[in-house]
C-alpha cells in the first residue's frame, strides 16, 4: 500500500481592498461598498464610517484592482494590499 501526497501550489497571492478615506461623497462610496461586498446599506455605511477599513479580503489581484478602481471612481481613497505570506 502506497500513500501519495499532493501539494497544491497557488501562484495567485490573495489581496485585500482597503478603504482609506471616503472622500467628499460618502453616500456614493457607501453604495459602491454595498455593490462590491453584498452587505446591506446600513452595514456598508458602518464600514465607510470606520475608515480606514478592509472592505474585501483574500481576493485575486484582478478583482481587487477592479474593486479599488470602483471605490476611487465613487470618490474614495482606496488601495490594494497583498496579504503577507
N, C-alpha and C. Protein backbone atom coordinates (compact mmCIF):
# COMPACT_ATOMS: atom_id res chain seq x y z
N UNK A 1 0.84 -1.18 0.00
CA UNK A 1 0.00 0.00 0.00
C UNK A 1 0.89 1.25 0.00
N UNK A 2 0.67 2.12 -0.97
CA UNK A 2 1.45 3.35 -1.04
C UNK A 2 0.55 4.53 -0.71
N UNK A 3 1.15 5.49 -0.09
CA UNK A 3 0.45 6.72 0.27
C UNK A 3 1.03 7.84 -0.58
N UNK A 4 0.16 8.56 -1.25
CA UNK A 4 0.60 9.67 -2.09
C UNK A 4 0.12 10.98 -1.48
N UNK A 5 0.98 11.97 -1.52
CA UNK A 5 0.64 13.30 -1.02
C UNK A 5 0.71 14.28 -2.19
N UNK A 6 -0.23 15.16 -2.23
CA UNK A 6 -0.24 16.20 -3.24
C UNK A 6 -0.08 17.55 -2.57
N UNK A 7 0.71 18.38 -3.16
CA UNK A 7 0.88 19.73 -2.65
C UNK A 7 0.28 20.68 -3.68
N UNK A 8 -0.67 21.47 -3.24
CA UNK A 8 -1.30 22.45 -4.12
C UNK A 8 -0.49 23.75 -4.08
N UNK A 9 -0.12 24.20 -5.24
CA UNK A 9 0.66 25.43 -5.33
C UNK A 9 -0.21 26.46 -6.04
N UNK A 10 -0.36 27.58 -5.37
CA UNK A 10 -1.19 28.65 -5.93
C UNK A 10 -0.29 29.84 -6.26
N UNK A 11 -0.28 30.22 -7.51
CA UNK A 11 0.55 31.35 -7.92
C UNK A 11 -0.10 32.69 -7.61
N UNK A 12 -1.40 32.69 -7.43
CA UNK A 12 -2.12 33.93 -7.19
C UNK A 12 -2.17 34.21 -5.69
N UNK A 13 -1.45 35.21 -5.27
CA UNK A 13 -1.41 35.59 -3.86
C UNK A 13 -2.65 36.43 -3.57
N UNK A 14 -3.37 36.13 -2.47
CA UNK A 14 -4.58 36.89 -2.18
C UNK A 14 -4.28 38.34 -1.82
N UNK A 15 -5.23 39.20 -2.13
CA UNK A 15 -5.10 40.63 -1.89
C UNK A 15 -6.30 41.13 -1.08
N UNK A 16 -6.10 42.24 -0.41
CA UNK A 16 -7.17 42.92 0.33
C UNK A 16 -7.41 44.28 -0.30
N UNK A 17 -8.66 44.74 -0.22
CA UNK A 17 -9.01 46.08 -0.67
C UNK A 17 -9.28 46.92 0.57
N UNK A 18 -8.54 48.01 0.71
CA UNK A 18 -8.67 48.88 1.87
C UNK A 18 -9.30 50.20 1.46
N UNK A 19 -10.25 50.63 2.25
CA UNK A 19 -10.83 51.95 2.10
C UNK A 19 -10.10 52.86 3.07
N UNK A 20 -9.32 53.79 2.56
CA UNK A 20 -8.52 54.68 3.39
C UNK A 20 -9.35 55.86 3.88
N UNK A 21 -10.08 56.50 2.97
CA UNK A 21 -10.93 57.65 3.32
C UNK A 21 -12.11 57.70 2.35
N UNK A 22 -13.30 58.06 2.86
CA UNK A 22 -14.47 58.08 1.99
C UNK A 22 -14.51 59.23 0.99
N UNK A 23 -13.75 60.27 1.21
CA UNK A 23 -13.74 61.38 0.28
C UNK A 23 -14.93 62.31 0.47
N UNK A 24 -15.19 63.17 -0.53
CA UNK A 24 -16.22 64.20 -0.38
C UNK A 24 -17.66 63.69 -0.47
N UNK A 25 -17.88 62.50 -1.02
CA UNK A 25 -19.23 61.98 -1.19
C UNK A 25 -19.36 60.59 -0.55
N UNK A 26 -19.54 60.53 0.79
CA UNK A 26 -19.60 59.23 1.45
C UNK A 26 -20.79 58.36 1.01
N UNK A 27 -21.88 58.98 0.56
CA UNK A 27 -23.03 58.21 0.13
C UNK A 27 -22.71 57.38 -1.12
N UNK A 28 -22.03 57.99 -2.08
CA UNK A 28 -21.64 57.27 -3.30
C UNK A 28 -20.67 56.13 -2.96
N UNK A 29 -19.77 56.38 -2.01
CA UNK A 29 -18.83 55.34 -1.59
C UNK A 29 -19.57 54.21 -0.88
N UNK A 30 -20.55 54.57 -0.05
CA UNK A 30 -21.36 53.57 0.65
C UNK A 30 -22.08 52.67 -0.36
N UNK A 31 -22.63 53.26 -1.40
CA UNK A 31 -23.32 52.48 -2.42
C UNK A 31 -22.34 51.58 -3.18
N UNK A 32 -21.12 52.07 -3.42
CA UNK A 32 -20.11 51.26 -4.09
C UNK A 32 -19.70 50.08 -3.21
N UNK A 33 -19.52 50.34 -1.90
CA UNK A 33 -19.18 49.27 -0.96
C UNK A 33 -20.29 48.23 -0.93
N UNK A 34 -21.52 48.69 -0.97
CA UNK A 34 -22.66 47.77 -0.96
C UNK A 34 -22.65 46.87 -2.19
N UNK A 35 -22.40 47.45 -3.36
CA UNK A 35 -22.36 46.66 -4.60
C UNK A 35 -21.21 45.66 -4.57
N UNK A 36 -20.06 46.07 -4.06
CA UNK A 36 -18.87 45.22 -4.07
C UNK A 36 -18.94 44.09 -3.04
N UNK A 37 -19.47 44.41 -1.86
CA UNK A 37 -19.42 43.44 -0.77
C UNK A 37 -20.69 42.61 -0.62
N UNK A 38 -21.81 43.13 -1.12
CA UNK A 38 -23.08 42.42 -0.95
C UNK A 38 -23.70 42.65 0.42
N UNK A 39 -23.12 43.56 1.19
CA UNK A 39 -23.67 43.87 2.51
C UNK A 39 -24.89 44.77 2.38
N UNK A 40 -25.63 44.90 3.47
CA UNK A 40 -26.78 45.81 3.47
C UNK A 40 -26.27 47.25 3.43
N UNK A 41 -27.15 48.17 3.11
CA UNK A 41 -26.79 49.57 3.04
C UNK A 41 -26.32 50.07 4.42
N UNK A 42 -26.99 49.61 5.47
CA UNK A 42 -26.64 50.02 6.82
C UNK A 42 -25.24 49.55 7.19
N UNK A 43 -24.93 48.28 6.93
CA UNK A 43 -23.61 47.74 7.25
C UNK A 43 -22.52 48.38 6.38
N UNK A 44 -22.86 48.67 5.14
CA UNK A 44 -21.90 49.35 4.26
C UNK A 44 -21.58 50.74 4.79
N UNK A 45 -22.60 51.44 5.28
CA UNK A 45 -22.38 52.77 5.85
C UNK A 45 -21.50 52.69 7.09
N UNK A 46 -21.70 51.66 7.92
CA UNK A 46 -20.85 51.48 9.10
C UNK A 46 -19.39 51.29 8.69
N UNK A 47 -19.15 50.49 7.65
CA UNK A 47 -17.78 50.29 7.18
C UNK A 47 -17.16 51.60 6.69
N UNK A 48 -17.92 52.34 5.92
CA UNK A 48 -17.40 53.60 5.38
C UNK A 48 -17.10 54.58 6.52
N UNK A 49 -17.94 54.60 7.53
CA UNK A 49 -17.72 55.49 8.67
C UNK A 49 -16.51 55.09 9.50
N UNK A 50 -16.09 53.83 9.42
CA UNK A 50 -14.96 53.34 10.21
C UNK A 50 -13.62 53.42 9.46
N UNK A 51 -13.61 54.06 8.33
CA UNK A 51 -12.38 54.13 7.52
C UNK A 51 -11.23 54.66 8.35
N UNK A 52 -10.04 54.12 8.20
CA UNK A 52 -9.58 53.10 7.26
C UNK A 52 -10.01 51.70 7.69
N UNK A 53 -10.48 50.93 6.72
CA UNK A 53 -11.02 49.60 6.99
C UNK A 53 -10.84 48.71 5.75
N UNK A 54 -10.73 47.41 6.00
CA UNK A 54 -10.64 46.43 4.90
C UNK A 54 -12.05 46.16 4.40
N UNK A 55 -12.27 46.36 3.12
CA UNK A 55 -13.59 46.14 2.52
C UNK A 55 -13.72 44.70 2.03
N UNK A 56 -12.71 44.21 1.32
CA UNK A 56 -12.72 42.85 0.78
C UNK A 56 -11.41 42.18 1.16
N UNK A 57 -11.49 40.90 1.54
CA UNK A 57 -10.30 40.15 1.96
C UNK A 57 -10.11 38.92 1.09
N UNK A 58 -8.86 38.57 0.90
CA UNK A 58 -8.47 37.31 0.24
C UNK A 58 -9.11 37.13 -1.13
N UNK A 59 -8.96 38.12 -1.98
CA UNK A 59 -9.50 38.00 -3.33
C UNK A 59 -8.33 38.09 -4.32
N UNK A 60 -8.53 37.59 -5.54
CA UNK A 60 -7.47 37.65 -6.55
C UNK A 60 -7.10 39.10 -6.88
N UNK A 61 -5.90 39.28 -7.39
CA UNK A 61 -5.40 40.62 -7.67
C UNK A 61 -6.27 41.37 -8.67
N UNK A 62 -6.73 40.70 -9.71
CA UNK A 62 -7.55 41.36 -10.73
C UNK A 62 -8.85 41.90 -10.12
N UNK A 63 -9.52 41.08 -9.32
CA UNK A 63 -10.76 41.51 -8.68
C UNK A 63 -10.51 42.63 -7.69
N UNK A 64 -9.38 42.57 -6.98
CA UNK A 64 -9.05 43.62 -6.02
C UNK A 64 -8.79 44.95 -6.72
N UNK A 65 -8.12 44.89 -7.85
CA UNK A 65 -7.84 46.11 -8.61
C UNK A 65 -9.13 46.73 -9.13
N UNK A 66 -10.03 45.90 -9.63
CA UNK A 66 -11.32 46.41 -10.12
C UNK A 66 -12.14 47.02 -8.98
N UNK A 67 -12.13 46.40 -7.81
CA UNK A 67 -12.88 46.91 -6.66
C UNK A 67 -12.31 48.25 -6.20
N UNK A 68 -10.99 48.35 -6.13
CA UNK A 68 -10.36 49.60 -5.72
C UNK A 68 -10.65 50.71 -6.73
N UNK A 69 -10.67 50.37 -7.99
CA UNK A 69 -11.00 51.35 -9.03
C UNK A 69 -12.43 51.84 -8.89
N UNK A 70 -13.35 50.94 -8.59
CA UNK A 70 -14.76 51.33 -8.39
C UNK A 70 -14.90 52.26 -7.19
N UNK A 71 -14.16 52.00 -6.13
CA UNK A 71 -14.20 52.88 -4.96
C UNK A 71 -13.61 54.25 -5.28
N UNK A 72 -12.52 54.27 -6.03
CA UNK A 72 -11.91 55.55 -6.42
C UNK A 72 -12.83 56.36 -7.31
N UNK A 73 -13.54 55.69 -8.21
CA UNK A 73 -14.48 56.39 -9.08
C UNK A 73 -15.63 56.99 -8.29
N UNK A 74 -15.96 56.40 -7.14
CA UNK A 74 -17.00 56.94 -6.27
C UNK A 74 -16.48 58.09 -5.42
N UNK A 75 -15.17 58.36 -5.48
CA UNK A 75 -14.60 59.49 -4.76
C UNK A 75 -13.79 59.11 -3.54
N UNK A 76 -13.62 57.83 -3.29
CA UNK A 76 -12.90 57.38 -2.10
C UNK A 76 -11.41 57.26 -2.39
N UNK A 77 -10.65 57.22 -1.31
CA UNK A 77 -9.23 56.89 -1.42
C UNK A 77 -9.13 55.42 -1.01
N UNK A 78 -8.73 54.56 -1.95
CA UNK A 78 -8.67 53.12 -1.70
C UNK A 78 -7.37 52.57 -2.27
N UNK A 79 -6.95 51.44 -1.71
CA UNK A 79 -5.75 50.80 -2.21
C UNK A 79 -5.86 49.28 -2.10
N UNK A 80 -5.00 48.61 -2.84
CA UNK A 80 -4.94 47.15 -2.84
C UNK A 80 -3.66 46.76 -2.13
N UNK A 81 -3.76 45.83 -1.19
CA UNK A 81 -2.58 45.34 -0.48
C UNK A 81 -2.47 43.83 -0.61
N UNK A 82 -1.27 43.39 -0.82
CA UNK A 82 -1.01 41.96 -0.90
C UNK A 82 -0.94 41.41 0.52
N UNK A 83 -1.57 40.27 0.73
CA UNK A 83 -1.52 39.65 2.05
C UNK A 83 -0.14 39.08 2.30
N UNK A 84 0.33 39.14 3.54
CA UNK A 84 1.64 38.57 3.84
C UNK A 84 1.63 37.05 3.69
N UNK A 85 2.76 36.51 3.34
CA UNK A 85 2.87 35.06 3.14
C UNK A 85 2.79 34.31 4.45
